[in-house]
């Protein structure tokens, strides 16, 4: 049986993964900018990251409520 604590841990793990990926994306953008190149990741890439990791508002609310729809 899935507990509330387990659901919260799942959301926290997804958020941590997303943060690690986002830091890498920001670092890549900073490096490219430093060398005068266009950015590798725009707003859409960061939005896609949130969707891929399932950490948007509705995703988190549903996960914490235990809905797997």
PDB file of N, CA and C in Angstrom:
ATOM      1  N   UNK A   1       0.840  -1.179   0.000  1.00  0.00           N
ATOM      2  CA  UNK A   1       0.000   0.000   0.000  1.00  0.00           C
ATOM      3  C   UNK A   1       0.889   1.249   0.000  1.00  0.00           C
ATOM      4  N   UNK A   2       0.521   2.196  -0.838  1.00  0.00           N
ATOM      5  CA  UNK A   2       1.291   3.428  -0.954  1.00  0.00           C
ATOM      6  C   UNK A   2       0.857   4.415   0.133  1.00  0.00           C
ATOM      7  N   UNK A   3       1.818   4.912   0.867  1.00  0.00           N
ATOM      8  CA  UNK A   3       1.509   5.846   1.947  1.00  0.00           C
ATOM      9  C   UNK A   3       1.677   7.292   1.487  1.00  0.00           C
ATOM     10  N   UNK A   4       1.150   8.195   2.289  1.00  0.00           N
ATOM     11  CA  UNK A   4       1.301   9.617   2.003  1.00  0.00           C
ATOM     12  C   UNK A   4       2.774  10.005   1.982  1.00  0.00           C
ATOM     13  N   UNK A   5       3.545   9.452   2.908  1.00  0.00           N
ATOM     14  CA  UNK A   5       4.984   9.748   2.964  1.00  0.00           C
ATOM     15  C   UNK A   5       5.693   9.247   1.705  1.00  0.00           C
ATOM     16  N   UNK A   6       5.288   8.100   1.203  1.00  0.00           N
ATOM     17  CA  UNK A   6       5.901   7.555  -0.013  1.00  0.00           C
ATOM     18  C   UNK A   6       5.577   8.432  -1.211  1.00  0.00           C
ATOM     19  N   UNK A   7       4.340   8.916  -1.285  1.00  0.00           N
ATOM     20  CA  UNK A   7       3.966   9.812  -2.389  1.00  0.00           C
ATOM     21  C   UNK A   7       4.760  11.115  -2.313  1.00  0.00           C
ATOM     22  N   UNK A   8       4.921  11.644  -1.101  1.00  0.00           N
ATOM     23  CA  UNK A   8       5.699  12.876  -0.929  1.00  0.00           C
ATOM     24  C   UNK A   8       7.157  12.653  -1.317  1.00  0.00           C
ATOM     25  N   UNK A   9       7.708  11.515  -0.957  1.00  0.00           N
ATOM     26  CA  UNK A   9       9.098  11.195  -1.311  1.00  0.00           C
ATOM     27  C   UNK A   9       9.261  11.090  -2.823  1.00  0.00           C
ATOM     28  N   UNK A  10       8.274  10.530  -3.485  1.00  0.00           N
ATOM     29  CA  UNK A  10       8.311  10.415  -4.940  1.00  0.00           C
ATOM     30  C   UNK A  10       8.350  11.800  -5.583  1.00  0.00           C
ATOM     31  N   UNK A  11       7.509  12.714  -5.096  1.00  0.00           N
ATOM     32  CA  UNK A  11       7.479  14.085  -5.624  1.00  0.00           C
ATOM     33  C   UNK A  11       8.809  14.781  -5.357  1.00  0.00           C
ATOM     34  N   UNK A  12       9.343  14.609  -4.161  1.00  0.00           N
ATOM     35  CA  UNK A  12      10.632  15.232  -3.832  1.00  0.00           C
ATOM     36  C   UNK A  12      11.747  14.695  -4.713  1.00  0.00           C
ATOM     37  N   UNK A  13      11.741  13.407  -4.980  1.00  0.00           N
ATOM     38  CA  UNK A  13      12.764  12.823  -5.847  1.00  0.00           C
ATOM     39  C   UNK A  13      12.658  13.382  -7.261  1.00  0.00           C
ATOM     40  N   UNK A  14      11.438  13.506  -7.769  1.00  0.00           N
ATOM     41  CA  UNK A  14      11.241  14.068  -9.106  1.00  0.00           C
ATOM     42  C   UNK A  14      11.714  15.520  -9.160  1.00  0.00           C
ATOM     43  N   UNK A  15      11.425  16.279  -8.105  1.00  0.00           N
ATOM     44  CA  UNK A  15      11.871  17.673  -8.048  1.00  0.00           C
ATOM     45  C   UNK A  15      13.394  17.759  -8.004  1.00  0.00           C
ATOM     46  N   UNK A  16      14.028  16.865  -7.265  1.00  0.00           N
ATOM     47  CA  UNK A  16      15.493  16.853  -7.189  1.00  0.00           C
ATOM     48  C   UNK A  16      16.100  16.518  -8.549  1.00  0.00           C
ATOM     49  N   UNK A  17      15.532  15.522  -9.236  1.00  0.00           N
ATOM     50  CA  UNK A  17      16.019  15.190 -10.581  1.00  0.00           C
ATOM     51  C   UNK A  17      15.890  16.386 -11.512  1.00  0.00           C
ATOM     52  N   UNK A  18      14.741  17.055 -11.452  1.00  0.00           N
ATOM     53  CA  UNK A  18      14.511  18.209 -12.323  1.00  0.00           C
ATOM     54  C   UNK A  18      15.490  19.328 -12.007  1.00  0.00           C
ATOM     55  N   UNK A  19      15.757  19.558 -10.740  1.00  0.00           N
ATOM     56  CA  UNK A  19      16.687  20.611 -10.353  1.00  0.00           C
ATOM     57  C   UNK A  19      18.096  20.316 -10.859  1.00  0.00           C
ATOM     58  N   UNK A  20      18.517  19.082 -10.739  1.00  0.00           N
ATOM     59  CA  UNK A  20      19.845  18.693 -11.236  1.00  0.00           C
ATOM     60  C   UNK A  20      19.921  18.915 -12.746  1.00  0.00           C
ATOM     61  N   UNK A  21      18.892  18.478 -13.461  1.00  0.00           N
ATOM     62  CA  UNK A  21      18.868  18.680 -14.914  1.00  0.00           C
ATOM     63  C   UNK A  21      18.849  20.161 -15.263  1.00  0.00           C
ATOM     64  N   UNK A  22      18.049  20.943 -14.535  1.00  0.00           N
ATOM     65  CA  UNK A  22      17.955  22.383 -14.814  1.00  0.00           C
ATOM     66  C   UNK A  22      19.294  23.074 -14.574  1.00  0.00           C
ATOM     67  N   UNK A  23      19.994  22.696 -13.502  1.00  0.00           N
ATOM     68  CA  UNK A  23      21.317  23.275 -13.255  1.00  0.00           C
ATOM     69  C   UNK A  23      22.259  22.988 -14.416  1.00  0.00           C
ATOM     70  N   UNK A  24      22.207  21.800 -14.959  1.00  0.00           N
ATOM     71  CA  UNK A  24      23.032  21.459 -16.118  1.00  0.00           C
ATOM     72  C   UNK A  24      22.670  22.286 -17.333  1.00  0.00           C
ATOM     73  N   UNK A  25      21.380  22.492 -17.523  1.00  0.00           N
ATOM     74  CA  UNK A  25      20.916  23.294 -18.650  1.00  0.00           C
ATOM     75  C   UNK A  25      21.359  24.752 -18.507  1.00  0.00           C
ATOM     76  N   UNK A  26      21.255  25.283 -17.301  1.00  0.00           N
ATOM     77  CA  UNK A  26      21.690  26.664 -17.045  1.00  0.00           C
ATOM     78  C   UNK A  26      23.195  26.784 -17.261  1.00  0.00           C
ATOM     79  N   UNK A  27      23.948  25.814 -16.779  1.00  0.00           N
ATOM     80  CA  UNK A  27      25.398  25.836 -16.952  1.00  0.00           C
ATOM     81  C   UNK A  27      25.767  25.807 -18.436  1.00  0.00           C
ATOM     82  N   UNK A  28      25.074  24.980 -19.203  1.00  0.00           N
ATOM     83  CA  UNK A  28      25.341  24.914 -20.644  1.00  0.00           C
ATOM     84  C   UNK A  28      25.027  26.256 -21.296  1.00  0.00           C
ATOM     85  N   UNK A  29      23.918  26.871 -20.900  1.00  0.00           N
ATOM     86  CA  UNK A  29      23.572  28.187 -21.449  1.00  0.00           C
ATOM     87  C   UNK A  29      24.625  29.229 -21.098  1.00  0.00           C
ATOM     88  N   UNK A  30      25.088  29.212 -19.858  1.00  0.00           N
ATOM     89  CA  UNK A  30      26.105  30.182 -19.434  1.00  0.00           C
ATOM     90  C   UNK A  30      27.399  29.990 -20.213  1.00  0.00           C
ATOM     91  N   UNK A  31      27.788  28.754 -20.423  1.00  0.00           N
ATOM     92  CA  UNK A  31      29.018  28.467 -21.168  1.00  0.00           C
ATOM     93  C   UNK A  31      28.891  28.937 -22.619  1.00  0.00           C
ATOM     94  N   UNK A  32      27.763  28.649 -23.230  1.00  0.00           N
ATOM     95  CA  UNK A  32      27.555  29.074 -24.618  1.00  0.00           C
ATOM     96  C   UNK A  32      27.528  30.601 -24.724  1.00  0.00           C
ATOM     97  N   UNK A  33      26.871  31.245 -23.762  1.00  0.00           N
ATOM     98  CA  UNK A  33      26.808  32.705 -23.764  1.00  0.00           C
ATOM     99  C   UNK A  33      28.204  33.304 -23.599  1.00  0.00           C
ATOM    100  N   UNK A  34      28.997  32.696 -22.749  1.00  0.00           N
ATOM    101  CA  UNK A  34      30.364  33.172 -22.513  1.00  0.00           C
ATOM    102  C   UNK A  34      31.199  33.126 -23.788  1.00  0.00           C
ATOM    103  N   UNK A  35      30.905  32.151 -24.644  1.00  0.00           N
ATOM    104  CA  UNK A  35      31.649  31.999 -25.900  1.00  0.00           C
ATOM    105  C   UNK A  35      30.964  32.697 -27.067  1.00  0.00           C
ATOM    106  N   UNK A  36      29.905  33.447 -26.770  1.00  0.00           N
ATOM    107  CA  UNK A  36      29.230  34.212 -27.805  1.00  0.00           C
ATOM    108  C   UNK A  36      28.286  33.402 -28.678  1.00  0.00           C
ATOM    109  N   UNK A  37      27.897  32.225 -28.230  1.00  0.00           N
ATOM    110  CA  UNK A  37      26.979  31.375 -28.994  1.00  0.00           C
ATOM    111  C   UNK A  37      25.544  31.573 -28.505  1.00  0.00           C
ATOM    112  N   UNK A  38      24.616  31.128 -29.322  1.00  0.00           N
ATOM    113  CA  UNK A  38      23.212  31.195 -28.904  1.00  0.00           C
ATOM    114  C   UNK A  38      22.971  30.174 -27.797  1.00  0.00           C
ATOM    115  N   UNK A  39      21.944  30.422 -27.018  1.00  0.00           N
ATOM    116  CA  UNK A  39      21.647  29.546 -25.896  1.00  0.00           C
ATOM    117  C   UNK A  39      21.196  28.169 -26.381  1.00  0.00           C
ATOM    118  N   UNK A  40      21.573  27.157 -25.651  1.00  0.00           N
ATOM    119  CA  UNK A  40      21.186  25.795 -25.992  1.00  0.00           C
ATOM    120  C   UNK A  40      19.766  25.483 -25.530  1.00  0.00           C
ATOM    121  N   UNK A  41      19.324  26.109 -24.440  1.00  0.00           N
ATOM    122  CA  UNK A  41      18.022  25.808 -23.851  1.00  0.00           C
ATOM    123  C   UNK A  41      17.231  27.087 -23.650  1.00  0.00           C
ATOM    124  N   UNK A  42      16.054  27.117 -24.245  1.00  0.00           N
ATOM    125  CA  UNK A  42      15.152  28.246 -24.067  1.00  0.00           C
ATOM    126  C   UNK A  42      14.043  27.895 -23.090  1.00  0.00           C
ATOM    127  N   UNK A  43      13.093  28.789 -22.979  1.00  0.00           N
ATOM    128  CA  UNK A  43      11.983  28.622 -22.043  1.00  0.00           C
ATOM    129  C   UNK A  43      11.230  27.311 -22.280  1.00  0.00           C
ATOM    130  N   UNK A  44      11.044  26.957 -23.542  1.00  0.00           N
ATOM    131  CA  UNK A  44      10.310  25.733 -23.864  1.00  0.00           C
ATOM    132  C   UNK A  44      11.012  24.492 -23.314  1.00  0.00           C
ATOM    133  N   UNK A  45      12.333  24.487 -23.330  1.00  0.00           N
ATOM    134  CA  UNK A  45      13.085  23.340 -22.820  1.00  0.00           C
ATOM    135  C   UNK A  45      12.884  23.175 -21.316  1.00  0.00           C
ATOM    136  N   UNK A  46      12.824  24.296 -20.613  1.00  0.00           N
ATOM    137  CA  UNK A  46      12.605  24.231 -19.166  1.00  0.00           C
ATOM    138  C   UNK A  46      11.165  23.809 -18.853  1.00  0.00           C
ATOM    139  N   UNK A  47      10.222  24.272 -19.654  1.00  0.00           N
ATOM    140  CA  UNK A  47       8.832  23.844 -19.483  1.00  0.00           C
ATOM    141  C   UNK A  47       8.687  22.352 -19.760  1.00  0.00           C
ATOM    142  N   UNK A  48       9.387  21.869 -20.778  1.00  0.00           N
ATOM    143  CA  UNK A  48       9.367  20.450 -21.117  1.00  0.00           C
ATOM    144  C   UNK A  48       9.959  19.611 -19.983  1.00  0.00           C
ATOM    145  N   UNK A  49      10.993  20.133 -19.355  1.00  0.00           N
ATOM    146  CA  UNK A  49      11.617  19.451 -18.215  1.00  0.00           C
ATOM    147  C   UNK A  49      10.604  19.246 -17.093  1.00  0.00           C
ATOM    148  N   UNK A  50       9.846  20.275 -16.775  1.00  0.00           N
ATOM    149  CA  UNK A  50       8.824  20.172 -15.731  1.00  0.00           C
ATOM    150  C   UNK A  50       7.802  19.099 -16.106  1.00  0.00           C
ATOM    151  N   UNK A  51       7.389  19.089 -17.367  1.00  0.00           N
ATOM    152  CA  UNK A  51       6.413  18.097 -17.827  1.00  0.00           C
ATOM    153  C   UNK A  51       6.996  16.685 -17.790  1.00  0.00           C
ATOM    154  N   UNK A  52       8.226  16.532 -18.245  1.00  0.00           N
ATOM    155  CA  UNK A  52       8.862  15.211 -18.274  1.00  0.00           C
ATOM    156  C   UNK A  52       9.016  14.619 -16.882  1.00  0.00           C
ATOM    157  N   UNK A  53       9.335  15.457 -15.927  1.00  0.00           N
ATOM    158  CA  UNK A  53       9.524  14.969 -14.556  1.00  0.00           C
ATOM    159  C   UNK A  53       8.211  14.903 -13.776  1.00  0.00           C
ATOM    160  N   UNK A  54       7.139  15.409 -14.361  1.00  0.00           N
ATOM    161  CA  UNK A  54       5.836  15.339 -13.717  1.00  0.00           C
ATOM    162  C   UNK A  54       5.746  16.165 -12.449  1.00  0.00           C
ATOM    163  N   UNK A  55       6.324  17.386 -12.500  1.00  0.00           N
ATOM    164  CA  UNK A  55       6.321  18.217 -11.295  1.00  0.00           C
ATOM    165  C   UNK A  55       5.564  19.528 -11.487  1.00  0.00           C
ATOM    166  N   UNK A  56       4.688  19.561 -12.479  1.00  0.00           N
ATOM    167  CA  UNK A  56       3.807  20.713 -12.619  1.00  0.00           C
ATOM    168  C   UNK A  56       2.793  20.706 -11.475  1.00  0.00           C
ATOM    169  N   UNK A  57       2.101  21.793 -11.305  1.00  0.00           N
ATOM    170  CA  UNK A  57       1.152  21.934 -10.194  1.00  0.00           C
ATOM    171  C   UNK A  57       0.163  20.770 -10.135  1.00  0.00           C
ATOM    172  N   UNK A  58      -0.541  20.530 -11.226  1.00  0.00           N
ATOM    173  CA  UNK A  58      -1.546  19.466 -11.215  1.00  0.00           C
ATOM    174  C   UNK A  58      -0.930  18.097 -10.994  1.00  0.00           C
ATOM    175  N   UNK A  59       0.252  17.856 -11.567  1.00  0.00           N
ATOM    176  CA  UNK A  59       0.947  16.586 -11.370  1.00  0.00           C
ATOM    177  C   UNK A  59       1.221  16.333  -9.894  1.00  0.00           C
ATOM    178  N   UNK A  60       1.727  17.361  -9.218  1.00  0.00           N
ATOM    179  CA  UNK A  60       2.081  17.218  -7.809  1.00  0.00           C
ATOM    180  C   UNK A  60       0.829  17.035  -6.954  1.00  0.00           C
ATOM    181  N   UNK A  61      -0.190  17.835  -7.201  1.00  0.00           N
ATOM    182  CA  UNK A  61      -1.430  17.699  -6.432  1.00  0.00           C
ATOM    183  C   UNK A  61      -1.999  16.293  -6.596  1.00  0.00           C
ATOM    184  N   UNK A  62      -2.052  15.812  -7.826  1.00  0.00           N
ATOM    185  CA  UNK A  62      -2.574  14.471  -8.066  1.00  0.00           C
ATOM    186  C   UNK A  62      -1.718  13.391  -7.417  1.00  0.00           C
ATOM    187  N   UNK A  63      -0.401  13.556  -7.487  1.00  0.00           N
ATOM    188  CA  UNK A  63       0.493  12.566  -6.863  1.00  0.00           C
ATOM    189  C   UNK A  63       0.294  12.531  -5.355  1.00  0.00           C
ATOM    190  N   UNK A  64       0.178  13.689  -4.759  1.00  0.00           N
ATOM    191  CA  UNK A  64       0.026  13.726  -3.306  1.00  0.00           C
ATOM    192  C   UNK A  64      -1.339  13.220  -2.852  1.00  0.00           C
ATOM    193  N   UNK A  65      -2.322  13.344  -3.699  1.00  0.00           N
ATOM    194  CA  UNK A  65      -3.650  12.818  -3.387  1.00  0.00           C
ATOM    195  C   UNK A  65      -3.744  11.311  -3.662  1.00  0.00           C
ATOM    196  N   UNK A  66      -2.751  10.791  -4.379  1.00  0.00           N
ATOM    197  CA  UNK A  66      -2.729   9.364  -4.673  1.00  0.00           C
ATOM    198  C   UNK A  66      -3.439   8.980  -5.943  1.00  0.00           C
ATOM    199  N   UNK A  67      -3.783   9.965  -6.760  1.00  0.00           N
ATOM    200  CA  UNK A  67      -4.471   9.688  -8.018  1.00  0.00           C
ATOM    201  C   UNK A  67      -3.466   9.282  -9.073  1.00  0.00           C
ATOM    202  N   UNK A  68      -3.687   8.172  -9.750  1.00  0.00           N
ATOM    203  CA  UNK A  68      -2.761   7.712 -10.786  1.00  0.00           C
ATOM    204  C   UNK A  68      -3.370   7.781 -12.170  1.00  0.00           C
ATOM    205  N   UNK A  69      -4.625   8.200 -12.255  1.00  0.00           N
ATOM    206  CA  UNK A  69      -5.382   8.429 -13.458  1.00  0.00           C
ATOM    207  C   UNK A  69      -4.938   7.778 -14.665  1.00  0.00           C
TER     208      UNK A  69
END
